[in-house]
N, C-alpha and C. Protein backbone atom coordinates (compact mmCIF):
# COMPACT_ATOMS: atom_id res chain seq x y z
N MET A 1 -20.26 5.16 0.50
CA MET A 1 -21.34 5.38 1.47
C MET A 1 -21.20 4.36 2.60
N THR A 2 -21.40 4.82 3.81
CA THR A 2 -21.28 3.96 4.98
C THR A 2 -22.39 2.90 4.97
N THR A 3 -22.03 1.71 5.41
CA THR A 3 -22.97 0.59 5.46
C THR A 3 -24.13 0.89 6.41
N LEU A 4 -25.30 0.45 6.02
CA LEU A 4 -26.49 0.57 6.85
C LEU A 4 -26.50 -0.57 7.86
N THR A 5 -26.71 -0.24 9.13
CA THR A 5 -26.81 -1.26 10.17
C THR A 5 -28.13 -1.09 10.90
N PHE A 6 -28.60 -2.18 11.47
CA PHE A 6 -29.86 -2.18 12.22
C PHE A 6 -29.60 -2.61 13.65
N ARG A 7 -30.36 -2.03 14.56
CA ARG A 7 -30.33 -2.46 15.96
C ARG A 7 -31.62 -2.04 16.64
N ALA A 8 -31.87 -2.63 17.80
CA ALA A 8 -33.03 -2.27 18.60
C ALA A 8 -32.71 -1.01 19.41
N ALA A 9 -33.65 -0.11 19.47
CA ALA A 9 -33.49 1.13 20.24
C ALA A 9 -33.48 0.82 21.73
N THR A 10 -32.84 1.71 22.48
CA THR A 10 -32.89 1.69 23.94
C THR A 10 -33.45 3.03 24.40
N THR A 11 -33.66 3.16 25.68
CA THR A 11 -34.17 4.43 26.20
C THR A 11 -33.19 5.58 25.93
N ASP A 12 -31.91 5.28 25.79
CA ASP A 12 -30.93 6.32 25.46
C ASP A 12 -31.18 6.94 24.09
N ASP A 13 -31.88 6.23 23.21
CA ASP A 13 -32.14 6.70 21.85
C ASP A 13 -33.38 7.59 21.76
N ILE A 14 -34.14 7.70 22.82
CA ILE A 14 -35.42 8.43 22.76
C ILE A 14 -35.29 9.86 22.26
N PRO A 15 -34.36 10.67 22.76
CA PRO A 15 -34.28 12.05 22.23
C PRO A 15 -34.04 12.09 20.72
N ALA A 16 -33.15 11.25 20.21
CA ALA A 16 -32.89 11.23 18.77
C ALA A 16 -34.10 10.73 17.99
N LEU A 17 -34.85 9.80 18.55
CA LEU A 17 -36.06 9.29 17.89
C LEU A 17 -37.12 10.38 17.78
N VAL A 18 -37.31 11.16 18.83
CA VAL A 18 -38.29 12.25 18.79
C VAL A 18 -37.93 13.22 17.67
N VAL A 19 -36.66 13.56 17.56
CA VAL A 19 -36.20 14.48 16.51
C VAL A 19 -36.44 13.87 15.12
N LEU A 20 -36.03 12.62 14.91
CA LEU A 20 -36.18 11.98 13.60
C LEU A 20 -37.65 11.87 13.19
N VAL A 21 -38.48 11.34 14.06
CA VAL A 21 -39.89 11.12 13.73
C VAL A 21 -40.58 12.46 13.46
N THR A 22 -40.32 13.44 14.29
CA THR A 22 -40.93 14.75 14.08
C THR A 22 -40.47 15.36 12.76
N SER A 23 -39.18 15.24 12.46
CA SER A 23 -38.66 15.83 11.21
C SER A 23 -39.24 15.16 9.97
N ALA A 24 -39.61 13.90 10.08
CA ALA A 24 -40.15 13.17 8.93
C ALA A 24 -41.63 13.48 8.68
N TYR A 25 -42.34 13.93 9.71
CA TYR A 25 -43.79 14.08 9.58
C TYR A 25 -44.33 15.49 9.78
N ARG A 26 -43.68 16.29 10.61
CA ARG A 26 -44.28 17.56 11.00
C ARG A 26 -43.35 18.73 10.78
N GLY A 27 -43.94 19.89 10.61
CA GLY A 27 -43.18 21.13 10.51
C GLY A 27 -42.48 21.29 9.17
N ASP A 28 -41.75 22.38 9.06
CA ASP A 28 -41.08 22.71 7.80
C ASP A 28 -40.04 21.69 7.40
N ALA A 29 -39.32 21.12 8.36
CA ALA A 29 -38.29 20.13 8.03
C ALA A 29 -38.88 18.95 7.26
N SER A 30 -40.11 18.57 7.59
CA SER A 30 -40.73 17.41 6.95
C SER A 30 -41.03 17.66 5.48
N ARG A 31 -41.14 18.91 5.10
CA ARG A 31 -41.48 19.23 3.71
C ARG A 31 -40.34 18.90 2.74
N ALA A 32 -39.14 18.63 3.25
CA ALA A 32 -38.02 18.22 2.40
C ALA A 32 -38.24 16.82 1.84
N GLY A 33 -39.06 16.02 2.51
CA GLY A 33 -39.37 14.67 2.06
C GLY A 33 -40.80 14.61 1.55
N TRP A 34 -41.25 13.40 1.25
CA TRP A 34 -42.60 13.25 0.71
C TRP A 34 -43.57 12.63 1.71
N THR A 35 -43.13 12.35 2.94
CA THR A 35 -44.01 11.73 3.93
C THR A 35 -44.64 12.73 4.89
N SER A 36 -44.47 13.99 4.64
CA SER A 36 -44.94 15.02 5.55
C SER A 36 -46.45 14.94 5.79
N GLU A 37 -46.82 15.14 7.05
CA GLU A 37 -48.23 15.29 7.43
C GLU A 37 -48.52 16.75 7.80
N ALA A 38 -47.58 17.64 7.50
CA ALA A 38 -47.67 19.03 7.97
C ALA A 38 -48.92 19.74 7.48
N ASP A 39 -49.47 19.35 6.34
CA ASP A 39 -50.70 19.98 5.87
C ASP A 39 -51.95 19.37 6.50
N LEU A 40 -51.76 18.25 7.20
CA LEU A 40 -52.90 17.55 7.82
C LEU A 40 -52.97 17.73 9.33
N ILE A 41 -51.79 17.77 9.98
CA ILE A 41 -51.75 17.75 11.43
C ILE A 41 -50.63 18.66 11.92
N ASP A 42 -50.91 19.48 12.91
CA ASP A 42 -49.92 20.33 13.54
C ASP A 42 -49.43 19.68 14.83
N GLY A 43 -48.31 20.16 15.34
CA GLY A 43 -47.83 19.71 16.64
C GLY A 43 -46.90 18.52 16.56
N GLU A 44 -46.67 17.94 17.72
CA GLU A 44 -45.74 16.82 17.83
C GLU A 44 -46.31 15.54 17.22
N ARG A 45 -45.45 14.70 16.70
CA ARG A 45 -45.85 13.40 16.14
C ARG A 45 -45.67 12.29 17.18
N ILE A 46 -44.71 12.48 18.08
CA ILE A 46 -44.39 11.45 19.08
C ILE A 46 -43.79 12.14 20.29
N ASP A 47 -43.88 11.49 21.43
CA ASP A 47 -43.23 12.03 22.62
C ASP A 47 -42.47 10.93 23.33
N ALA A 48 -41.66 11.32 24.30
CA ALA A 48 -40.80 10.37 25.01
C ALA A 48 -41.62 9.30 25.73
N ALA A 49 -42.76 9.67 26.30
CA ALA A 49 -43.56 8.69 27.04
C ALA A 49 -44.09 7.59 26.12
N ALA A 50 -44.52 7.95 24.92
CA ALA A 50 -45.02 6.93 23.97
C ALA A 50 -43.89 6.02 23.54
N LEU A 51 -42.71 6.58 23.32
CA LEU A 51 -41.56 5.75 22.94
C LEU A 51 -41.17 4.81 24.08
N GLU A 52 -41.15 5.31 25.29
CA GLU A 52 -40.85 4.46 26.44
C GLU A 52 -41.85 3.31 26.55
N ALA A 53 -43.12 3.60 26.32
CA ALA A 53 -44.15 2.56 26.38
C ALA A 53 -43.89 1.48 25.32
N ASP A 54 -43.56 1.91 24.09
CA ASP A 54 -43.27 0.94 23.03
C ASP A 54 -42.05 0.09 23.38
N LEU A 55 -41.04 0.70 23.96
CA LEU A 55 -39.82 -0.02 24.31
C LEU A 55 -40.02 -0.99 25.47
N SER A 56 -40.95 -0.70 26.35
CA SER A 56 -41.14 -1.54 27.54
C SER A 56 -42.11 -2.70 27.33
N ARG A 57 -42.88 -2.67 26.24
CA ARG A 57 -43.83 -3.76 25.99
C ARG A 57 -43.11 -5.03 25.56
N ASP A 58 -43.68 -6.17 25.92
CA ASP A 58 -43.18 -7.45 25.41
C ASP A 58 -43.42 -7.54 23.92
N ARG A 59 -42.51 -8.19 23.20
CA ARG A 59 -42.64 -8.43 21.76
C ARG A 59 -42.88 -7.14 20.99
N SER A 60 -42.08 -6.15 21.34
CA SER A 60 -42.17 -4.82 20.72
C SER A 60 -40.77 -4.23 20.70
N ILE A 61 -40.35 -3.76 19.53
CA ILE A 61 -39.07 -3.07 19.43
C ILE A 61 -39.23 -1.84 18.56
N ILE A 62 -38.32 -0.93 18.72
CA ILE A 62 -38.17 0.16 17.76
C ILE A 62 -36.86 -0.15 17.04
N LEU A 63 -37.00 -0.46 15.78
CA LEU A 63 -35.86 -0.82 14.95
C LEU A 63 -35.20 0.45 14.44
N LEU A 64 -33.90 0.57 14.65
CA LEU A 64 -33.15 1.73 14.19
C LEU A 64 -32.30 1.35 12.99
N ALA A 65 -32.23 2.23 12.01
CA ALA A 65 -31.32 2.08 10.88
C ALA A 65 -30.30 3.20 11.00
N GLU A 66 -29.03 2.83 11.00
CA GLU A 66 -27.97 3.80 11.18
C GLU A 66 -26.92 3.66 10.09
N ARG A 67 -26.34 4.78 9.72
CA ARG A 67 -25.15 4.82 8.86
C ARG A 67 -24.06 5.45 9.71
N GLY A 68 -23.09 4.62 10.07
CA GLY A 68 -22.10 5.10 11.02
C GLY A 68 -22.80 5.41 12.33
N ASP A 69 -22.61 6.60 12.85
CA ASP A 69 -23.29 6.98 14.10
C ASP A 69 -24.51 7.85 13.85
N GLN A 70 -24.99 7.91 12.58
CA GLN A 70 -26.14 8.74 12.25
C GLN A 70 -27.41 7.90 12.16
N LEU A 71 -28.43 8.27 12.93
CA LEU A 71 -29.74 7.64 12.85
C LEU A 71 -30.43 8.15 11.59
N VAL A 72 -30.76 7.24 10.65
CA VAL A 72 -31.34 7.67 9.38
C VAL A 72 -32.78 7.20 9.20
N ALA A 73 -33.22 6.20 9.98
CA ALA A 73 -34.59 5.72 9.86
C ALA A 73 -34.94 4.89 11.09
N CYS A 74 -36.25 4.73 11.30
CA CYS A 74 -36.72 3.89 12.40
C CYS A 74 -38.11 3.36 12.08
N ALA A 75 -38.50 2.33 12.81
CA ALA A 75 -39.86 1.79 12.71
C ALA A 75 -40.18 1.05 14.00
N HIS A 76 -41.41 1.15 14.42
CA HIS A 76 -41.88 0.35 15.54
C HIS A 76 -42.41 -0.96 14.98
N VAL A 77 -41.95 -2.06 15.53
CA VAL A 77 -42.36 -3.39 15.09
C VAL A 77 -42.81 -4.15 16.34
N ALA A 78 -43.97 -4.80 16.24
CA ALA A 78 -44.49 -5.51 17.40
C ALA A 78 -45.29 -6.73 16.97
N ASP A 79 -45.49 -7.62 17.92
CA ASP A 79 -46.39 -8.76 17.76
C ASP A 79 -47.65 -8.39 18.54
N VAL A 80 -48.74 -8.19 17.81
CA VAL A 80 -50.02 -7.83 18.44
C VAL A 80 -51.00 -8.96 18.15
N ASP A 81 -51.27 -9.75 19.17
CA ASP A 81 -52.23 -10.86 19.04
C ASP A 81 -51.88 -11.79 17.89
N GLY A 82 -50.58 -12.09 17.74
CA GLY A 82 -50.16 -13.06 16.74
C GLY A 82 -49.95 -12.51 15.34
N GLU A 83 -50.14 -11.21 15.16
CA GLU A 83 -49.86 -10.58 13.87
C GLU A 83 -48.79 -9.52 14.07
N GLY A 84 -47.97 -9.35 13.05
CA GLY A 84 -46.97 -8.29 13.12
C GLY A 84 -47.65 -6.94 12.98
N TYR A 85 -47.08 -5.94 13.64
CA TYR A 85 -47.55 -4.57 13.52
C TYR A 85 -46.36 -3.71 13.12
N PHE A 86 -46.57 -2.84 12.15
CA PHE A 86 -45.53 -1.94 11.66
C PHE A 86 -46.05 -0.51 11.79
N GLY A 87 -45.30 0.34 12.46
CA GLY A 87 -45.74 1.72 12.63
C GLY A 87 -44.59 2.64 12.95
N MET A 88 -44.90 3.89 13.18
CA MET A 88 -43.93 4.93 13.51
C MET A 88 -42.72 4.86 12.58
N PHE A 89 -42.99 4.70 11.32
CA PHE A 89 -41.96 4.57 10.30
C PHE A 89 -41.47 5.96 9.91
N ALA A 90 -40.20 6.21 10.08
CA ALA A 90 -39.65 7.53 9.76
C ALA A 90 -38.30 7.37 9.08
N VAL A 91 -38.13 8.12 8.01
CA VAL A 91 -36.86 8.19 7.29
C VAL A 91 -36.45 9.66 7.26
N ASP A 92 -35.18 9.92 7.52
CA ASP A 92 -34.65 11.27 7.45
C ASP A 92 -35.13 11.91 6.14
N PRO A 93 -35.81 13.07 6.20
CA PRO A 93 -36.35 13.68 4.99
C PRO A 93 -35.33 13.87 3.87
N ALA A 94 -34.08 14.14 4.21
CA ALA A 94 -33.05 14.33 3.19
C ALA A 94 -32.71 13.03 2.47
N GLN A 95 -33.11 11.90 3.04
CA GLN A 95 -32.78 10.61 2.43
C GLN A 95 -34.02 9.89 1.88
N GLN A 96 -35.17 10.54 1.95
CA GLN A 96 -36.38 9.94 1.38
C GLN A 96 -36.26 9.91 -0.13
N GLY A 97 -36.79 8.86 -0.74
CA GLY A 97 -36.71 8.69 -2.17
C GLY A 97 -35.45 7.97 -2.63
N SER A 98 -34.60 7.57 -1.68
CA SER A 98 -33.32 6.92 -2.01
C SER A 98 -33.41 5.39 -2.01
N GLY A 99 -34.56 4.85 -1.61
CA GLY A 99 -34.69 3.40 -1.47
C GLY A 99 -34.48 2.93 -0.04
N LEU A 100 -34.06 3.82 0.83
CA LEU A 100 -33.82 3.48 2.23
C LEU A 100 -35.08 2.96 2.91
N GLY A 101 -36.21 3.60 2.66
CA GLY A 101 -37.46 3.18 3.29
C GLY A 101 -37.82 1.75 2.94
N SER A 102 -37.64 1.36 1.70
CA SER A 102 -37.94 -0.02 1.29
C SER A 102 -37.05 -1.02 2.01
N VAL A 103 -35.79 -0.66 2.21
CA VAL A 103 -34.86 -1.54 2.91
C VAL A 103 -35.28 -1.70 4.38
N VAL A 104 -35.66 -0.60 5.01
CA VAL A 104 -36.07 -0.65 6.41
C VAL A 104 -37.37 -1.43 6.56
N LEU A 105 -38.31 -1.21 5.67
CA LEU A 105 -39.57 -1.96 5.71
C LEU A 105 -39.31 -3.46 5.59
N ALA A 106 -38.47 -3.86 4.66
CA ALA A 106 -38.15 -5.28 4.48
C ALA A 106 -37.48 -5.85 5.73
N GLU A 107 -36.57 -5.09 6.34
CA GLU A 107 -35.91 -5.55 7.57
C GLU A 107 -36.93 -5.73 8.69
N ALA A 108 -37.88 -4.81 8.80
CA ALA A 108 -38.92 -4.92 9.84
C ALA A 108 -39.78 -6.16 9.61
N GLU A 109 -40.15 -6.41 8.37
CA GLU A 109 -40.94 -7.61 8.05
C GLU A 109 -40.15 -8.87 8.38
N ASN A 110 -38.88 -8.90 7.99
CA ASN A 110 -38.03 -10.06 8.28
C ASN A 110 -37.88 -10.27 9.78
N TYR A 111 -37.72 -9.19 10.53
CA TYR A 111 -37.59 -9.29 11.97
C TYR A 111 -38.84 -9.92 12.59
N ALA A 112 -40.01 -9.42 12.22
CA ALA A 112 -41.26 -9.93 12.78
C ALA A 112 -41.46 -11.41 12.45
N ALA A 113 -41.16 -11.78 11.22
CA ALA A 113 -41.32 -13.19 10.81
C ALA A 113 -40.30 -14.08 11.52
N ARG A 114 -39.06 -13.63 11.61
CA ARG A 114 -37.98 -14.42 12.21
C ARG A 114 -38.13 -14.53 13.73
N GLU A 115 -38.37 -13.42 14.41
CA GLU A 115 -38.38 -13.40 15.87
C GLU A 115 -39.70 -13.88 16.49
N TRP A 116 -40.82 -13.61 15.81
CA TRP A 116 -42.11 -13.93 16.40
C TRP A 116 -42.93 -14.89 15.56
N ALA A 117 -42.39 -15.32 14.43
CA ALA A 117 -43.07 -16.28 13.54
C ALA A 117 -44.47 -15.81 13.14
N VAL A 118 -44.63 -14.51 12.94
CA VAL A 118 -45.92 -14.00 12.48
C VAL A 118 -46.01 -14.18 10.96
N ALA A 119 -47.20 -14.43 10.49
CA ALA A 119 -47.41 -14.66 9.06
C ALA A 119 -47.97 -13.43 8.34
N VAL A 120 -48.44 -12.46 9.12
CA VAL A 120 -49.07 -11.28 8.54
C VAL A 120 -48.51 -10.04 9.23
N MET A 121 -48.26 -9.01 8.43
CA MET A 121 -47.87 -7.70 8.97
C MET A 121 -49.03 -6.76 8.73
N GLN A 122 -49.36 -5.96 9.74
CA GLN A 122 -50.47 -5.03 9.66
C GLN A 122 -49.97 -3.63 9.99
N MET A 123 -50.60 -2.63 9.40
CA MET A 123 -50.29 -1.25 9.72
C MET A 123 -51.55 -0.42 9.55
N THR A 124 -51.51 0.78 10.10
CA THR A 124 -52.58 1.74 9.85
C THR A 124 -51.97 2.99 9.22
N VAL A 125 -52.67 3.54 8.24
CA VAL A 125 -52.21 4.72 7.52
C VAL A 125 -53.40 5.69 7.44
N ILE A 126 -53.13 6.96 7.63
CA ILE A 126 -54.21 7.94 7.46
C ILE A 126 -54.74 7.80 6.04
N ASP A 127 -56.04 7.59 5.91
CA ASP A 127 -56.61 7.17 4.62
C ASP A 127 -56.52 8.20 3.51
N VAL A 128 -56.29 9.46 3.82
CA VAL A 128 -56.14 10.47 2.76
C VAL A 128 -54.70 10.55 2.24
N ARG A 129 -53.80 9.75 2.78
CA ARG A 129 -52.39 9.73 2.37
C ARG A 129 -52.20 8.77 1.19
N GLU A 130 -52.81 9.10 0.06
CA GLU A 130 -52.82 8.20 -1.10
C GLU A 130 -51.42 7.83 -1.60
N GLU A 131 -50.48 8.80 -1.64
CA GLU A 131 -49.11 8.49 -2.08
C GLU A 131 -48.45 7.48 -1.16
N LEU A 132 -48.67 7.63 0.13
CA LEU A 132 -48.08 6.71 1.09
C LEU A 132 -48.71 5.32 0.98
N ILE A 133 -50.02 5.28 0.85
CA ILE A 133 -50.69 3.99 0.66
C ILE A 133 -50.19 3.31 -0.61
N ALA A 134 -50.01 4.07 -1.68
CA ALA A 134 -49.48 3.51 -2.94
C ALA A 134 -48.08 2.95 -2.73
N PHE A 135 -47.24 3.61 -1.93
CA PHE A 135 -45.90 3.11 -1.61
C PHE A 135 -46.01 1.72 -1.00
N TYR A 136 -46.89 1.57 -0.02
CA TYR A 136 -47.05 0.27 0.65
C TYR A 136 -47.66 -0.77 -0.30
N GLU A 137 -48.59 -0.36 -1.13
CA GLU A 137 -49.18 -1.31 -2.09
C GLU A 137 -48.11 -1.84 -3.05
N ARG A 138 -47.19 -1.01 -3.46
CA ARG A 138 -46.11 -1.47 -4.35
C ARG A 138 -45.20 -2.47 -3.64
N ARG A 139 -45.25 -2.52 -2.34
CA ARG A 139 -44.45 -3.45 -1.56
C ARG A 139 -45.28 -4.62 -1.02
N GLY A 140 -46.46 -4.82 -1.61
CA GLY A 140 -47.25 -6.01 -1.30
C GLY A 140 -48.35 -5.84 -0.29
N TYR A 141 -48.55 -4.65 0.24
CA TYR A 141 -49.62 -4.44 1.21
C TYR A 141 -50.95 -4.25 0.48
N VAL A 142 -52.00 -4.66 1.16
CA VAL A 142 -53.34 -4.62 0.58
C VAL A 142 -54.25 -3.79 1.49
N ARG A 143 -55.04 -2.93 0.87
CA ARG A 143 -56.05 -2.17 1.62
C ARG A 143 -57.15 -3.13 2.03
N THR A 144 -57.48 -3.13 3.31
CA THR A 144 -58.49 -4.06 3.81
C THR A 144 -59.90 -3.46 3.79
N GLY A 145 -59.99 -2.15 3.68
CA GLY A 145 -61.29 -1.51 3.79
C GLY A 145 -61.70 -1.28 5.25
N ILE A 146 -60.92 -1.81 6.17
CA ILE A 146 -61.18 -1.62 7.60
C ILE A 146 -60.61 -0.26 8.01
N THR A 147 -61.42 0.53 8.69
CA THR A 147 -60.96 1.83 9.15
C THR A 147 -61.04 1.90 10.67
N LYS A 148 -60.22 2.77 11.22
CA LYS A 148 -60.21 3.04 12.65
C LYS A 148 -60.27 4.55 12.83
N PRO A 149 -60.93 5.01 13.87
CA PRO A 149 -61.06 6.46 14.05
C PRO A 149 -59.72 7.13 14.38
N PHE A 150 -59.57 8.34 13.90
CA PHE A 150 -58.42 9.15 14.27
C PHE A 150 -58.64 9.62 15.70
N PRO A 151 -57.60 9.65 16.52
CA PRO A 151 -57.78 10.03 17.93
C PRO A 151 -57.86 11.55 18.14
N TYR A 152 -58.95 12.12 17.63
CA TYR A 152 -59.17 13.56 17.82
C TYR A 152 -59.18 13.87 19.31
N GLY A 153 -58.57 14.99 19.68
CA GLY A 153 -58.54 15.40 21.08
C GLY A 153 -57.35 14.85 21.85
N ASP A 154 -56.59 13.91 21.27
CA ASP A 154 -55.41 13.36 21.93
C ASP A 154 -54.20 14.17 21.47
N GLU A 155 -53.75 15.08 22.31
CA GLU A 155 -52.66 15.98 21.94
C GLU A 155 -51.35 15.24 21.68
N ARG A 156 -51.24 13.98 22.13
CA ARG A 156 -50.01 13.22 21.91
C ARG A 156 -49.79 12.92 20.43
N VAL A 157 -50.83 13.01 19.60
CA VAL A 157 -50.68 12.74 18.16
C VAL A 157 -50.82 14.02 17.33
N GLY A 158 -50.86 15.15 18.00
CA GLY A 158 -50.94 16.42 17.29
C GLY A 158 -52.36 16.94 17.17
N THR A 159 -52.46 18.08 16.51
CA THR A 159 -53.75 18.74 16.33
C THR A 159 -54.13 18.68 14.85
N PRO A 160 -55.16 17.91 14.51
CA PRO A 160 -55.57 17.80 13.10
C PRO A 160 -56.02 19.13 12.54
N ARG A 161 -55.72 19.34 11.27
CA ARG A 161 -56.12 20.55 10.56
C ARG A 161 -57.40 20.31 9.77
N ARG A 162 -57.92 19.09 9.80
CA ARG A 162 -59.17 18.75 9.12
C ARG A 162 -59.96 17.78 10.00
N ASP A 163 -61.24 17.68 9.72
CA ASP A 163 -62.10 16.86 10.57
C ASP A 163 -62.53 15.54 9.93
N ASP A 164 -61.87 15.14 8.84
CA ASP A 164 -62.27 13.91 8.15
C ASP A 164 -61.20 12.83 8.15
N LEU A 165 -60.26 12.89 9.10
CA LEU A 165 -59.18 11.92 9.12
C LEU A 165 -59.61 10.62 9.79
N GLN A 166 -59.13 9.52 9.25
CA GLN A 166 -59.28 8.21 9.86
C GLN A 166 -58.13 7.34 9.38
N PHE A 167 -57.91 6.23 10.06
CA PHE A 167 -56.87 5.30 9.67
C PHE A 167 -57.47 4.17 8.85
N GLU A 168 -56.73 3.71 7.85
CA GLU A 168 -57.10 2.50 7.12
C GLU A 168 -56.08 1.42 7.45
N VAL A 169 -56.56 0.20 7.64
CA VAL A 169 -55.71 -0.94 7.93
C VAL A 169 -55.22 -1.55 6.62
N LEU A 170 -53.89 -1.73 6.53
CA LEU A 170 -53.26 -2.42 5.41
C LEU A 170 -52.61 -3.68 5.96
N THR A 171 -52.61 -4.75 5.17
CA THR A 171 -51.97 -5.98 5.60
C THR A 171 -51.12 -6.58 4.48
N LYS A 172 -50.19 -7.40 4.89
CA LYS A 172 -49.34 -8.13 3.93
C LYS A 172 -49.04 -9.51 4.51
N THR A 173 -49.19 -10.52 3.70
CA THR A 173 -48.79 -11.86 4.10
C THR A 173 -47.28 -11.96 3.94
N LEU A 174 -46.60 -12.38 5.01
CA LEU A 174 -45.15 -12.49 4.98
C LEU A 174 -44.76 -13.88 4.51
N ASP A 175 -43.67 -13.93 3.75
CA ASP A 175 -43.20 -15.23 3.24
C ASP A 175 -42.44 -16.00 4.28
């Protein structure tokens, strides 16, 4: 198997990122993996403008995981007010369940601690995604009980299929 390598995304990577993130979360392709939101939300998961915004912010990167020339996973990592932020985590549905996600998550945590000296990593997860929350809990994340509203009406995040969605904040102290 080809070695996994990591690098920061550039604007040239945006089309491939849209494809990867969408395939991991939405539509029939996402059903090959276990991270699908297809039963919760229709439409696009990300667009080029949102990716450009993440790439242009200070202390913000989109970390790419590649095997050879194939993009297999990504995550947005940022320093937000002195805490690490982890989001837009996507693994190729055909490779979910292989341990790849755990490796990418650890690399993102190491990057945030090494580059920005943050002591805490934070993320938001749709609170009805119990399997996904359990995945993060097994990797040291803690449910804070803090919730944030789902952005209903914002077509950039898709069209919800239910009216009870919200985000829960999870945190982890980094070593």
